Each structure stands twice: as structure tokens, then as C-alpha cells.
PDB file of N, CA and C in Angstrom:
ATOM      1  N   MET A   1      87.763  89.971  82.863  1.00  0.00           N
ATOM      2  CA  MET A   1      87.397  91.298  83.307  1.00  0.00           C
ATOM      3  C   MET A   1      88.556  92.250  83.047  1.00  0.00           C
ATOM      4  N   THR A   2      88.259  93.386  82.501  1.00  0.00           N
ATOM      5  CA  THR A   2      89.300  94.391  82.324  1.00  0.00           C
ATOM      6  C   THR A   2      89.243  95.367  83.493  1.00  0.00           C
ATOM      7  N   VAL A   3      90.379  95.842  83.865  1.00  0.00           N
ATOM      8  CA  VAL A   3      90.491  96.776  84.980  1.00  0.00           C
ATOM      9  C   VAL A   3      90.487  98.192  84.405  1.00  0.00           C
ATOM     10  N   PRO A   4      89.673  99.092  84.956  1.00  0.00           N
ATOM     11  CA  PRO A   4      89.675 100.473  84.473  1.00  0.00           C
ATOM     12  C   PRO A   4      91.094 101.067  84.527  1.00  0.00           C
ATOM     13  N   GLU A   5      91.387 101.878  83.535  1.00  0.00           N
ATOM     14  CA  GLU A   5      92.732 102.446  83.379  1.00  0.00           C
ATOM     15  C   GLU A   5      93.236 103.126  84.647  1.00  0.00           C
ATOM     16  N   VAL A   6      92.375 103.876  85.305  1.00  0.00           N
ATOM     17  CA  VAL A   6      92.801 104.608  86.497  1.00  0.00           C
ATOM     18  C   VAL A   6      93.335 103.657  87.570  1.00  0.00           C
ATOM     19  N   TYR A   7      92.705 102.490  87.709  1.00  0.00           N
ATOM     20  CA  TYR A   7      93.155 101.531  88.707  1.00  0.00           C
ATOM     21  C   TYR A   7      94.409 100.796  88.248  1.00  0.00           C
ATOM     22  N   SER A   8      94.491 100.545  86.955  1.00  0.00           N
ATOM     23  CA  SER A   8      95.677  99.876  86.413  1.00  0.00           C
ATOM     24  C   SER A   8      96.930 100.686  86.716  1.00  0.00           C
ATOM     25  N   PHE A   9      96.856 101.973  86.444  1.00  0.00           N
ATOM     26  CA  PHE A   9      98.027 102.811  86.687  1.00  0.00           C
ATOM     27  C   PHE A   9      98.293 102.990  88.176  1.00  0.00           C
ATOM     28  N   ALA A  10      97.241 102.994  88.991  1.00  0.00           N
ATOM     29  CA  ALA A  10      97.428 103.088  90.441  1.00  0.00           C
ATOM     30  C   ALA A  10      98.163 101.854  90.959  1.00  0.00           C
ATOM     31  N   VAL A  11      97.833 100.690  90.431  1.00  0.00           N
ATOM     32  CA  VAL A  11      98.509  99.456  90.840  1.00  0.00           C
ATOM     33  C   VAL A  11      99.979  99.509  90.453  1.00  0.00           C
ATOM     34  N   ILE A  12     100.247  99.896  89.215  1.00  0.00           N
ATOM     35  CA  ILE A  12     101.631  99.971  88.735  1.00  0.00           C
ATOM     36  C   ILE A  12     102.415 101.002  89.545  1.00  0.00           C
ATOM     37  N   ASP A  13     101.797 102.146  89.801  1.00  0.00           N
ATOM     38  CA  ASP A  13     102.444 103.190  90.595  1.00  0.00           C
ATOM     39  C   ASP A  13     102.754 102.680  91.999  1.00  0.00           C
ATOM     40  N   GLY A  14     101.802 101.998  92.609  1.00  0.00           N
ATOM     41  CA  GLY A  14     102.004 101.472  93.958  1.00  0.00           C
ATOM     42  C   GLY A  14     103.128 100.451  94.017  1.00  0.00           C
ATOM     43  N   VAL A  15     103.173  99.580  93.035  1.00  0.00           N
ATOM     44  CA  VAL A  15     104.240  98.575  93.000  1.00  0.00           C
ATOM     45  C   VAL A  15     105.587  99.243  92.809  1.00  0.00           C
ATOM     46  N   MET A  16     105.655 100.220  91.921  1.00  0.00           N
ATOM     47  CA  MET A  16     106.929 100.907  91.678  1.00  0.00           C
ATOM     48  C   MET A  16     107.416 101.625  92.935  1.00  0.00           C
ATOM     49  N   VAL A  17     106.515 102.312  93.615  1.00  0.00           N
ATOM     50  CA  VAL A  17     106.888 103.007  94.853  1.00  0.00           C
ATOM     51  C   VAL A  17     107.390 102.000  95.879  1.00  0.00           C
ATOM     52  N   ASN A  18     106.698 100.877  95.997  1.00  0.00           N
ATOM     53  CA  ASN A  18     107.096  99.852  96.955  1.00  0.00           C
ATOM     54  C   ASN A  18     108.466  99.269  96.602  1.00  0.00           C
ATOM     55  N   LEU A  19     108.702  99.004  95.323  1.00  0.00           N
ATOM     56  CA  LEU A  19     110.013  98.485  94.911  1.00  0.00           C
ATOM     57  C   LEU A  19     111.125  99.463  95.257  1.00  0.00           C
ATOM     58  N   ILE A  20     110.912 100.727  94.968  1.00  0.00           N
ATOM     59  CA  ILE A  20     111.934 101.743  95.253  1.00  0.00           C
ATOM     60  C   ILE A  20     112.165 101.864  96.755  1.00  0.00           C
ATOM     61  N   GLN A  21     111.080 101.858  97.533  1.00  0.00           N
ATOM     62  CA  GLN A  21     111.229 101.942  98.991  1.00  0.00           C
ATOM     63  C   GLN A  21     112.010 100.748  99.531  1.00  0.00           C
ATOM     64  N   ASN A  22     111.727  99.566  99.018  1.00  0.00           N
ATOM     65  CA  ASN A  22     112.462  98.378  99.463  1.00  0.00           C
ATOM     66  C   ASN A  22     113.926  98.451  99.058  1.00  0.00           C
ATOM     67  N   TRP A  23     114.195  98.949  97.892  1.00  0.00           N
ATOM     68  CA  TRP A  23     115.577  99.114  97.424  1.00  0.00           C
ATOM     69  C   TRP A  23     116.330 100.058  98.359  1.00  0.00           C
ATOM     70  N   ILE A  24     115.673 101.142  98.747  1.00  0.00           N
ATOM     71  CA  ILE A  24     116.291 102.102  99.676  1.00  0.00           C
ATOM     72  C   ILE A  24     116.518 101.457 101.041  1.00  0.00           C
ATOM     73  N   LYS A  25     115.514 100.747 101.551  1.00  0.00           N
ATOM     74  CA  LYS A  25     115.635 100.090 102.859  1.00  0.00           C
ATOM     75  C   LYS A  25     116.755  99.061 102.868  1.00  0.00           C
ATOM     76  N   ARG A  26     117.014  98.464 101.708  1.00  0.00           N
ATOM     77  CA  ARG A  26     118.087  97.469 101.594  1.00  0.00           C
ATOM     78  C   ARG A  26     119.440  98.148 101.343  1.00  0.00           C
ATOM     79  N   ASP A  27     119.481  99.462 101.515  1.00  0.00           N
ATOM     80  CA  ASP A  27     120.715 100.235 101.329  1.00  0.00           C
ATOM     81  C   ASP A  27     121.297 100.073  99.931  1.00  0.00           C
ATOM     82  N   PHE A  28     120.404 100.054  98.943  1.00  0.00           N
ATOM     83  CA  PHE A  28     120.825 100.040  97.540  1.00  0.00           C
ATOM     84  C   PHE A  28     121.789  98.892  97.245  1.00  0.00           C
ATOM     85  N   VAL A  29     121.437  97.693  97.729  1.00  0.00           N
ATOM     86  CA  VAL A  29     122.290  96.519  97.517  1.00  0.00           C
ATOM     87  C   VAL A  29     122.546  96.332  96.020  1.00  0.00           C
ATOM     88  N   GLU A  30     121.483  96.457  95.226  1.00  0.00           N
ATOM     89  CA  GLU A  30     121.645  96.351  93.780  1.00  0.00           C
ATOM     90  C   GLU A  30     122.118  97.683  93.219  1.00  0.00           C
ATOM     91  N   THR A  31     122.913  97.607  92.192  1.00  0.00           N
ATOM     92  CA  THR A  31     123.328  98.837  91.515  1.00  0.00           C
ATOM     93  C   THR A  31     122.104  99.421  90.807  1.00  0.00           C
ATOM     94  N   PRO A  32     122.161 100.691  90.423  1.00  0.00           N
ATOM     95  CA  PRO A  32     121.041 101.256  89.659  1.00  0.00           C
ATOM     96  C   PRO A  32     120.740 100.448  88.386  1.00  0.00           C
ATOM     97  N   GLU A  33     121.778  99.938  87.757  1.00  0.00           N
ATOM     98  CA  GLU A  33     121.586  99.142  86.542  1.00  0.00           C
ATOM     99  C   GLU A  33     120.869  97.826  86.863  1.00  0.00           C
ATOM    100  N   GLU A  34     121.259  97.180  87.961  1.00  0.00           N
ATOM    101  CA  GLU A  34     120.600  95.936  88.364  1.00  0.00           C
ATOM    102  C   GLU A  34     119.142  96.187  88.746  1.00  0.00           C
ATOM    103  N   PHE A  35     118.909  97.254  89.490  1.00  0.00           N
ATOM    104  CA  PHE A  35     117.552  97.595  89.892  1.00  0.00           C
ATOM    105  C   PHE A  35     116.698  97.897  88.667  1.00  0.00           C
ATOM    106  N   SER A  36     117.249  98.630  87.734  1.00  0.00           N
ATOM    107  CA  SER A  36     116.543  98.934  86.492  1.00  0.00           C
ATOM    108  C   SER A  36     116.194  97.661  85.738  1.00  0.00           C
ATOM    109  N   GLY A  37     117.109  96.694  85.737  1.00  0.00           N
ATOM    110  CA  GLY A  37     116.851  95.418  85.092  1.00  0.00           C
ATOM    111  C   GLY A  37     115.710  94.662  85.763  1.00  0.00           C
ATOM    112  N   ILE A  38     115.650  94.734  87.078  1.00  0.00           N
ATOM    113  CA  ILE A  38     114.561  94.091  87.823  1.00  0.00           C
ATOM    114  C   ILE A  38     113.232  94.732  87.432  1.00  0.00           C
ATOM    115  N   VAL A  39     113.211  96.049  87.441  1.00  0.00           N
ATOM    116  CA  VAL A  39     111.988  96.776  87.080  1.00  0.00           C
ATOM    117  C   VAL A  39     111.595  96.465  85.638  1.00  0.00           C
ATOM    118  N   SER A  40     112.570  96.447  84.749  1.00  0.00           N
ATOM    119  CA  SER A  40     112.300  96.156  83.334  1.00  0.00           C
ATOM    120  C   SER A  40     111.745  94.751  83.142  1.00  0.00           C
ATOM    121  N   HIS A  41     112.089  93.857  84.026  1.00  0.00           N
ATOM    122  CA  HIS A  41     111.573  92.483  83.952  1.00  0.00           C
ATOM    123  C   HIS A  41     110.155  92.394  84.523  1.00  0.00           C
ATOM    124  N   ILE A  42     109.891  93.145  85.577  1.00  0.00           N
ATOM    125  CA  ILE A  42     108.603  93.067  86.266  1.00  0.00           C
ATOM    126  C   ILE A  42     107.489  93.811  85.524  1.00  0.00           C
ATOM    127  N   LEU A  43     107.793  94.983  84.988  1.00  0.00           N
ATOM    128  CA  LEU A  43     106.742  95.797  84.386  1.00  0.00           C
ATOM    129  C   LEU A  43     105.989  95.112  83.248  1.00  0.00           C
ATOM    130  N   PRO A  44     106.662  94.465  82.301  1.00  0.00           N
ATOM    131  CA  PRO A  44     105.885  93.804  81.234  1.00  0.00           C
ATOM    132  C   PRO A  44     104.933  92.727  81.778  1.00  0.00           C
ATOM    133  N   ILE A  45     105.355  92.029  82.823  1.00  0.00           N
ATOM    134  CA  ILE A  45     104.499  91.009  83.428  1.00  0.00           C
ATOM    135  C   ILE A  45     103.266  91.674  84.027  1.00  0.00           C
ATOM    136  N   MET A  46     103.480  92.815  84.699  1.00  0.00           N
ATOM    137  CA  MET A  46     102.362  93.535  85.302  1.00  0.00           C
ATOM    138  C   MET A  46     101.418  94.066  84.234  1.00  0.00           C
ATOM    139  N   PHE A  47     101.981  94.668  83.193  1.00  0.00           N
ATOM    140  CA  PHE A  47     101.132  95.211  82.130  1.00  0.00           C
ATOM    141  C   PHE A  47     100.297  94.108  81.494  1.00  0.00           C
ATOM    142  N   LYS A  48     100.898  92.970  81.281  1.00  0.00           N
ATOM    143  CA  LYS A  48     100.186  91.853  80.661  1.00  0.00           C
ATOM    144  C   LYS A  48      99.053  91.372  81.561  1.00  0.00           C
ATOM    145  N   GLY A  49      99.291  91.370  82.863  1.00  0.00           N
ATOM    146  CA  GLY A  49      98.283  90.887  83.798  1.00  0.00           C
ATOM    147  C   GLY A  49      97.187  91.889  84.117  1.00  0.00           C
ATOM    148  N   ILE A  50      97.485  93.171  83.946  1.00  0.00           N
ATOM    149  CA  ILE A  50      96.524  94.197  84.362  1.00  0.00           C
ATOM    150  C   ILE A  50      95.791  94.813  83.176  1.00  0.00           C
ATOM    151  N   ILE A  51      96.526  95.115  82.142  1.00  0.00           N
ATOM    152  CA  ILE A  51      95.930  95.803  81.002  1.00  0.00           C
ATOM    153  C   ILE A  51      95.664  94.792  79.897  1.00  0.00           C
ATOM    154  N   ALA A  52      94.394  94.653  79.586  1.00  0.00           N
ATOM    155  CA  ALA A  52      94.014  93.663  78.566  1.00  0.00           C
ATOM    156  C   ALA A  52      93.987  94.294  77.188  1.00  0.00           C
TER     157      ALA A  52
END
């Protein structure tokens, strides 16, 4: 099943907001570069799983 584009982007947006909020709550334990690396690792996995 393919997910409609509008929902795919809503999922990605929600995950990104949640990641950033958690990073802030953790008092920016990771440097911006480390956080960016985490996001760069997660996004391709999400795109592969959501967008066919």
C-alpha cells in the first residue's frame, strides 16, 4: 500500500518536530553536527518506509 503524499510528509514533519523537541528537552546534549548526523541517518529510512 502506498501512503498518500500529504500523509507521508505529515509523518516526516511530526517525527522531525518530535526529534527537535526531544533534543531541546535533553538540553542539546548532542552538538548540532551530531544531531544533524542522527537526522541524516533517520530520514532515508523513513523515506524508504513511507514513500514507495
